[in-house]
Amino acid sequence: MGVTSAGLDVRVARYGNFGDSEAADAAAMFARVARILGVEPVVFLTDASHAYQPGIGRGESLQALDAPLLG
């Protein structure tokens, strides 16, 4: 497939994907697995205080679909 790098947004917050205490462990595991697969890992640690890309959450994705489908 030609994949040379892979990124992961690790939200370091109580309400984030991995929580406060597990974020560093999750980032390290992602990096280890990526390297085993021959892919350069890129990990973004954020506090999830604002969305960096529109349409990335469940609610935002539904709103993004609503406009073109339902007008």
PDB file of N, CA and C in Angstrom:
ATOM      1  N   MET A   1       0.810  -1.187   0.000  1.00  0.00           N
ATOM      2  CA  MET A   1       0.000   0.000   0.000  1.00  0.00           C
ATOM      3  C   MET A   1       0.857   1.257   0.000  1.00  0.00           C
ATOM      4  N   GLY A   2       2.121   1.178   0.292  1.00  0.00           N
ATOM      5  CA  GLY A   2       2.975   2.351   0.252  1.00  0.00           C
ATOM      6  C   GLY A   2       2.888   3.262   1.462  1.00  0.00           C
ATOM      7  N   VAL A   3       2.306   2.796   2.532  1.00  0.00           N
ATOM      8  CA  VAL A   3       2.181   3.620   3.743  1.00  0.00           C
ATOM      9  C   VAL A   3       3.557   3.755   4.382  1.00  0.00           C
ATOM     10  N   THR A   4       3.974   4.979   4.616  1.00  0.00           N
ATOM     11  CA  THR A   4       5.282   5.207   5.221  1.00  0.00           C
ATOM     12  C   THR A   4       5.191   5.812   6.620  1.00  0.00           C
ATOM     13  N   SER A   5       4.043   6.392   6.941  1.00  0.00           N
ATOM     14  CA  SER A   5       3.856   6.947   8.281  1.00  0.00           C
ATOM     15  C   SER A   5       2.386   6.859   8.663  1.00  0.00           C
ATOM     16  N   ALA A   6       2.147   6.866   9.963  1.00  0.00           N
ATOM     17  CA  ALA A   6       0.777   6.814  10.487  1.00  0.00           C
ATOM     18  C   ALA A   6       0.697   7.709  11.708  1.00  0.00           C
ATOM     19  N   GLY A   7      -0.396   8.456  11.820  1.00  0.00           N
ATOM     20  CA  GLY A   7      -0.564   9.377  12.936  1.00  0.00           C
ATOM     21  C   GLY A   7      -1.682   8.958  13.860  1.00  0.00           C
ATOM     22  N   LEU A   8      -1.539   9.323  15.110  1.00  0.00           N
ATOM     23  CA  LEU A   8      -2.562   9.046  16.121  1.00  0.00           C
ATOM     24  C   LEU A   8      -2.711  10.281  16.986  1.00  0.00           C
ATOM     25  N   ASP A   9      -3.950  10.746  17.119  1.00  0.00           N
ATOM     26  CA  ASP A   9      -4.260  11.877  18.004  1.00  0.00           C
ATOM     27  C   ASP A   9      -4.641  11.294  19.352  1.00  0.00           C
ATOM     28  N   VAL A  10      -3.780  11.451  20.340  1.00  0.00           N
ATOM     29  CA  VAL A  10      -4.038  10.950  21.687  1.00  0.00           C
ATOM     30  C   VAL A  10      -4.532  12.119  22.521  1.00  0.00           C
ATOM     31  N   ARG A  11      -5.808  12.070  22.864  1.00  0.00           N
ATOM     32  CA  ARG A  11      -6.395  13.149  23.664  1.00  0.00           C
ATOM     33  C   ARG A  11      -6.160  12.879  25.137  1.00  0.00           C
ATOM     34  N   VAL A  12      -5.320  13.699  25.729  1.00  0.00           N
ATOM     35  CA  VAL A  12      -4.938  13.536  27.119  1.00  0.00           C
ATOM     36  C   VAL A  12      -5.905  14.338  27.980  1.00  0.00           C
ATOM     37  N   ALA A  13      -6.978  13.695  28.355  1.00  0.00           N
ATOM     38  CA  ALA A  13      -8.001  14.335  29.180  1.00  0.00           C
ATOM     39  C   ALA A  13      -8.867  13.248  29.800  1.00  0.00           C
ATOM     40  N   ARG A  14      -9.506  13.577  30.874  1.00  0.00           N
ATOM     41  CA  ARG A  14     -10.369  12.616  31.560  1.00  0.00           C
ATOM     42  C   ARG A  14     -11.419  12.055  30.611  1.00  0.00           C
ATOM     43  N   TYR A  15     -11.910  12.889  29.702  1.00  0.00           N
ATOM     44  CA  TYR A  15     -12.977  12.512  28.779  1.00  0.00           C
ATOM     45  C   TYR A  15     -12.432  12.090  27.413  1.00  0.00           C
ATOM     46  N   GLY A  16     -11.120  12.013  27.263  1.00  0.00           N
ATOM     47  CA  GLY A  16     -10.515  11.661  25.979  1.00  0.00           C
ATOM     48  C   GLY A  16     -10.574  10.170  25.694  1.00  0.00           C
ATOM     49  N   ASN A  17     -10.029   9.786  24.571  1.00  0.00           N
ATOM     50  CA  ASN A  17     -10.055   8.392  24.144  1.00  0.00           C
ATOM     51  C   ASN A  17      -9.365   7.470  25.138  1.00  0.00           C
ATOM     52  N   PHE A  18      -8.268   7.915  25.715  1.00  0.00           N
ATOM     53  CA  PHE A  18      -7.466   7.055  26.569  1.00  0.00           C
ATOM     54  C   PHE A  18      -7.466   7.481  28.028  1.00  0.00           C
ATOM     55  N   GLY A  19      -8.069   8.591  28.350  1.00  0.00           N
ATOM     56  CA  GLY A  19      -8.042   9.078  29.711  1.00  0.00           C
ATOM     57  C   GLY A  19      -6.702   9.720  30.040  1.00  0.00           C
ATOM     58  N   ASP A  20      -6.597  10.222  31.254  1.00  0.00           N
ATOM     59  CA  ASP A  20      -5.368  10.893  31.684  1.00  0.00           C
ATOM     60  C   ASP A  20      -4.197   9.932  31.821  1.00  0.00           C
ATOM     61  N   SER A  21      -4.390   8.873  32.586  1.00  0.00           N
ATOM     62  CA  SER A  21      -3.274   8.012  32.957  1.00  0.00           C
ATOM     63  C   SER A  21      -2.841   7.061  31.856  1.00  0.00           C
ATOM     64  N   GLU A  22      -3.733   6.723  30.944  1.00  0.00           N
ATOM     65  CA  GLU A  22      -3.408   5.740  29.918  1.00  0.00           C
ATOM     66  C   GLU A  22      -2.869   6.361  28.625  1.00  0.00           C
ATOM     67  N   ALA A  23      -2.898   7.660  28.492  1.00  0.00           N
ATOM     68  CA  ALA A  23      -2.526   8.317  27.235  1.00  0.00           C
ATOM     69  C   ALA A  23      -1.080   8.043  26.834  1.00  0.00           C
ATOM     70  N   ALA A  24      -0.154   8.179  27.764  1.00  0.00           N
ATOM     71  CA  ALA A  24       1.258   7.960  27.433  1.00  0.00           C
ATOM     72  C   ALA A  24       1.510   6.505  27.052  1.00  0.00           C
ATOM     73  N   ASP A  25       0.886   5.575  27.767  1.00  0.00           N
ATOM     74  CA  ASP A  25       1.044   4.153  27.445  1.00  0.00           C
ATOM     75  C   ASP A  25       0.471   3.838  26.065  1.00  0.00           C
ATOM     76  N   ALA A  26      -0.664   4.408  25.746  1.00  0.00           N
ATOM     77  CA  ALA A  26      -1.288   4.167  24.435  1.00  0.00           C
ATOM     78  C   ALA A  26      -0.417   4.726  23.316  1.00  0.00           C
ATOM     79  N   ALA A  27       0.136   5.905  23.513  1.00  0.00           N
ATOM     80  CA  ALA A  27       1.006   6.513  22.508  1.00  0.00           C
ATOM     81  C   ALA A  27       2.259   5.666  22.292  1.00  0.00           C
ATOM     82  N   ALA A  28       2.848   5.188  23.374  1.00  0.00           N
ATOM     83  CA  ALA A  28       4.053   4.359  23.266  1.00  0.00           C
ATOM     84  C   ALA A  28       3.752   3.035  22.565  1.00  0.00           C
ATOM     85  N   MET A  29       2.619   2.423  22.871  1.00  0.00           N
ATOM     86  CA  MET A  29       2.246   1.163  22.226  1.00  0.00           C
ATOM     87  C   MET A  29       2.028   1.360  20.726  1.00  0.00           C
ATOM     88  N   PHE A  30       1.337   2.431  20.361  1.00  0.00           N
ATOM     89  CA  PHE A  30       1.121   2.749  18.953  1.00  0.00           C
ATOM     90  C   PHE A  30       2.454   2.885  18.223  1.00  0.00           C
ATOM     91  N   ALA A  31       3.378   3.601  18.840  1.00  0.00           N
ATOM     92  CA  ALA A  31       4.687   3.823  18.219  1.00  0.00           C
ATOM     93  C   ALA A  31       5.450   2.512  18.059  1.00  0.00           C
ATOM     94  N   ARG A  32       5.412   1.649  19.071  1.00  0.00           N
ATOM     95  CA  ARG A  32       6.108   0.350  18.980  1.00  0.00           C
ATOM     96  C   ARG A  32       5.550  -0.503  17.855  1.00  0.00           C
ATOM     97  N   VAL A  33       4.228  -0.596  17.781  1.00  0.00           N
ATOM     98  CA  VAL A  33       3.593  -1.425  16.752  1.00  0.00           C
ATOM     99  C   VAL A  33       3.875  -0.862  15.358  1.00  0.00           C
ATOM    100  N   ALA A  34       3.796   0.448  15.216  1.00  0.00           N
ATOM    101  CA  ALA A  34       4.069   1.064  13.919  1.00  0.00           C
ATOM    102  C   ALA A  34       5.489   0.741  13.455  1.00  0.00           C
ATOM    103  N   ARG A  35       6.440   0.843  14.365  1.00  0.00           N
ATOM    104  CA  ARG A  35       7.838   0.554  13.998  1.00  0.00           C
ATOM    105  C   ARG A  35       8.021  -0.914  13.618  1.00  0.00           C
ATOM    106  N   ILE A  36       7.353  -1.814  14.323  1.00  0.00           N
ATOM    107  CA  ILE A  36       7.410  -3.240  13.987  1.00  0.00           C
ATOM    108  C   ILE A  36       6.906  -3.468  12.564  1.00  0.00           C
ATOM    109  N   LEU A  37       5.886  -2.711  12.182  1.00  0.00           N
ATOM    110  CA  LEU A  37       5.296  -2.834  10.848  1.00  0.00           C
ATOM    111  C   LEU A  37       6.069  -2.054   9.782  1.00  0.00           C
ATOM    112  N   GLY A  38       7.124  -1.385  10.192  1.00  0.00           N
ATOM    113  CA  GLY A  38       7.928  -0.632   9.242  1.00  0.00           C
ATOM    114  C   GLY A  38       7.333   0.708   8.857  1.00  0.00           C
ATOM    115  N   VAL A  39       6.508   1.250   9.728  1.00  0.00           N
ATOM    116  CA  VAL A  39       5.844   2.530   9.479  1.00  0.00           C
ATOM    117  C   VAL A  39       6.349   3.531  10.517  1.00  0.00           C
ATOM    118  N   GLU A  40       6.624   4.752  10.079  1.00  0.00           N
ATOM    119  CA  GLU A  40       7.079   5.799  10.990  1.00  0.00           C
ATOM    120  C   GLU A  40       5.889   6.347  11.780  1.00  0.00           C
ATOM    121  N   PRO A  41       5.907   6.215  13.109  1.00  0.00           N
ATOM    122  CA  PRO A  41       4.780   6.713  13.909  1.00  0.00           C
ATOM    123  C   PRO A  41       4.865   8.220  14.148  1.00  0.00           C
ATOM    124  N   VAL A  42       3.715   8.863  14.131  1.00  0.00           N
ATOM    125  CA  VAL A  42       3.597  10.274  14.485  1.00  0.00           C
ATOM    126  C   VAL A  42       2.458  10.358  15.490  1.00  0.00           C
ATOM    127  N   VAL A  43       2.774  10.771  16.703  1.00  0.00           N
ATOM    128  CA  VAL A  43       1.774  10.827  17.767  1.00  0.00           C
ATOM    129  C   VAL A  43       1.555  12.278  18.162  1.00  0.00           C
ATOM    130  N   PHE A  44       0.292  12.678  18.189  1.00  0.00           N
ATOM    131  CA  PHE A  44      -0.086  14.028  18.578  1.00  0.00           C
ATOM    132  C   PHE A  44      -0.753  13.957  19.947  1.00  0.00           C
ATOM    133  N   LEU A  45      -0.160  14.549  20.942  1.00  0.00           N
ATOM    134  CA  LEU A  45      -0.769  14.617  22.265  1.00  0.00           C
ATOM    135  C   LEU A  45      -1.493  15.955  22.371  1.00  0.00           C
ATOM    136  N   THR A  46      -2.782  15.902  22.602  1.00  0.00           N
ATOM    137  CA  THR A  46      -3.573  17.131  22.711  1.00  0.00           C
ATOM    138  C   THR A  46      -4.422  17.090  23.963  1.00  0.00           C
ATOM    139  N   ASP A  47      -4.901  18.246  24.374  1.00  0.00           N
ATOM    140  CA  ASP A  47      -5.787  18.287  25.537  1.00  0.00           C
ATOM    141  C   ASP A  47      -7.253  18.255  25.129  1.00  0.00           C
ATOM    142  N   ALA A  48      -7.517  18.124  23.839  1.00  0.00           N
ATOM    143  CA  ALA A  48      -8.876  18.014  23.304  1.00  0.00           C
ATOM    144  C   ALA A  48      -9.744  19.213  23.660  1.00  0.00           C
ATOM    145  N   SER A  49      -9.123  20.369  23.823  1.00  0.00           N
ATOM    146  CA  SER A  49      -9.906  21.541  24.182  1.00  0.00           C
ATOM    147  C   SER A  49     -10.693  22.101  22.999  1.00  0.00           C
ATOM    148  N   HIS A  50     -10.287  21.757  21.774  1.00  0.00           N
ATOM    149  CA  HIS A  50     -11.069  22.129  20.596  1.00  0.00           C
ATOM    150  C   HIS A  50     -10.808  21.125  19.477  1.00  0.00           C
ATOM    151  N   ALA A  51     -11.755  21.001  18.584  1.00  0.00           N
ATOM    152  CA  ALA A  51     -11.617  20.058  17.475  1.00  0.00           C
ATOM    153  C   ALA A  51     -10.601  20.585  16.473  1.00  0.00           C
ATOM    154  N   TYR A  52      -9.643  19.767  16.100  1.00  0.00           N
ATOM    155  CA  TYR A  52      -8.616  20.183  15.157  1.00  0.00           C
ATOM    156  C   TYR A  52      -9.048  19.955  13.719  1.00  0.00           C
ATOM    157  N   GLN A  53     -10.059  19.143  13.542  1.00  0.00           N
ATOM    158  CA  GLN A  53     -10.569  18.853  12.206  1.00  0.00           C
ATOM    159  C   GLN A  53     -12.088  18.731  12.309  1.00  0.00           C
ATOM    160  N   PRO A  54     -12.842  19.473  11.522  1.00  0.00           N
ATOM    161  CA  PRO A  54     -14.297  19.368  11.614  1.00  0.00           C
ATOM    162  C   PRO A  54     -14.784  18.005  11.140  1.00  0.00           C
ATOM    163  N   GLY A  55     -15.853  17.536  11.748  1.00  0.00           N
ATOM    164  CA  GLY A  55     -16.463  16.272  11.336  1.00  0.00           C
ATOM    165  C   GLY A  55     -15.773  15.043  11.872  1.00  0.00           C
ATOM    166  N   ILE A  56     -14.974  15.193  12.941  1.00  0.00           N
ATOM    167  CA  ILE A  56     -14.208  14.045  13.408  1.00  0.00           C
ATOM    168  C   ILE A  56     -14.928  13.255  14.505  1.00  0.00           C
ATOM    169  N   GLY A  57     -15.815  13.886  15.232  1.00  0.00           N
ATOM    170  CA  GLY A  57     -16.559  13.189  16.282  1.00  0.00           C
ATOM    171  C   GLY A  57     -17.878  12.651  15.750  1.00  0.00           C
ATOM    172  N   ARG A  58     -18.563  11.854  16.551  1.00  0.00           N
ATOM    173  CA  ARG A  58     -19.822  11.257  16.112  1.00  0.00           C
ATOM    174  C   ARG A  58     -20.867  12.315  15.768  1.00  0.00           C
ATOM    175  N   GLY A  59     -21.062  13.259  16.680  1.00  0.00           N
ATOM    176  CA  GLY A  59     -22.049  14.309  16.441  1.00  0.00           C
ATOM    177  C   GLY A  59     -21.696  15.182  15.263  1.00  0.00           C
ATOM    178  N   GLU A  60     -20.416  15.547  15.184  1.00  0.00           N
ATOM    179  CA  GLU A  60     -19.971  16.392  14.081  1.00  0.00           C
ATOM    180  C   GLU A  60     -20.103  15.669  12.745  1.00  0.00           C
ATOM    181  N   SER A  61     -19.852  14.373  12.724  1.00  0.00           N
ATOM    182  CA  SER A  61     -19.977  13.598  11.486  1.00  0.00           C
ATOM    183  C   SER A  61     -21.423  13.560  11.019  1.00  0.00           C
ATOM    184  N   LEU A  62     -22.342  13.398  11.954  1.00  0.00           N
ATOM    185  CA  LEU A  62     -23.759  13.383  11.585  1.00  0.00           C
ATOM    186  C   LEU A  62     -24.194  14.741  11.046  1.00  0.00           C
ATOM    187  N   GLN A  63     -23.716  15.813  11.648  1.00  0.00           N
ATOM    188  CA  GLN A  63     -24.051  17.148  11.146  1.00  0.00           C
ATOM    189  C   GLN A  63     -23.462  17.363   9.761  1.00  0.00           C
ATOM    190  N   ALA A  64     -22.256  16.868   9.516  1.00  0.00           N
ATOM    191  CA  ALA A  64     -21.620  17.025   8.205  1.00  0.00           C
ATOM    192  C   ALA A  64     -22.396  16.288   7.136  1.00  0.00           C
ATOM    193  N   LEU A  65     -22.970  15.126   7.463  1.00  0.00           N
ATOM    194  CA  LEU A  65     -23.763  14.365   6.513  1.00  0.00           C
ATOM    195  C   LEU A  65     -25.140  14.973   6.291  1.00  0.00           C
ATOM    196  N   ASP A  66     -25.660  15.622   7.299  1.00  0.00           N
ATOM    197  CA  ASP A  66     -27.004  16.185   7.228  1.00  0.00           C
ATOM    198  C   ASP A  66     -27.139  17.212   6.101  1.00  0.00           C
ATOM    199  N   ALA A  67     -26.165  18.085   5.963  1.00  0.00           N
ATOM    200  CA  ALA A  67     -26.273  19.172   4.986  1.00  0.00           C
ATOM    201  C   ALA A  67     -26.432  18.674   3.533  1.00  0.00           C
ATOM    202  N   PRO A  68     -25.524  17.829   3.043  1.00  0.00           N
ATOM    203  CA  PRO A  68     -25.691  17.421   1.632  1.00  0.00           C
ATOM    204  C   PRO A  68     -26.818  16.422   1.407  1.00  0.00           C
ATOM    205  N   LEU A  69     -27.141  15.615   2.400  1.00  0.00           N
ATOM    206  CA  LEU A  69     -28.155  14.575   2.193  1.00  0.00           C
ATOM    207  C   LEU A  69     -29.579  15.083   2.385  1.00  0.00           C
ATOM    208  N   LEU A  70     -29.743  15.930   3.368  1.00  0.00           N
ATOM    209  CA  LEU A  70     -31.102  16.387   3.698  1.00  0.00           C
ATOM    210  C   LEU A  70     -31.359  17.843   3.322  1.00  0.00           C
ATOM    211  N   GLY A  71     -30.310  18.507   2.843  1.00  0.00           N
ATOM    212  CA  GLY A  71     -30.432  19.870   2.347  1.00  0.00           C
ATOM    213  C   GLY A  71     -30.734  20.851   3.394  1.00  0.00           C
TER     214      GLY A  71
END
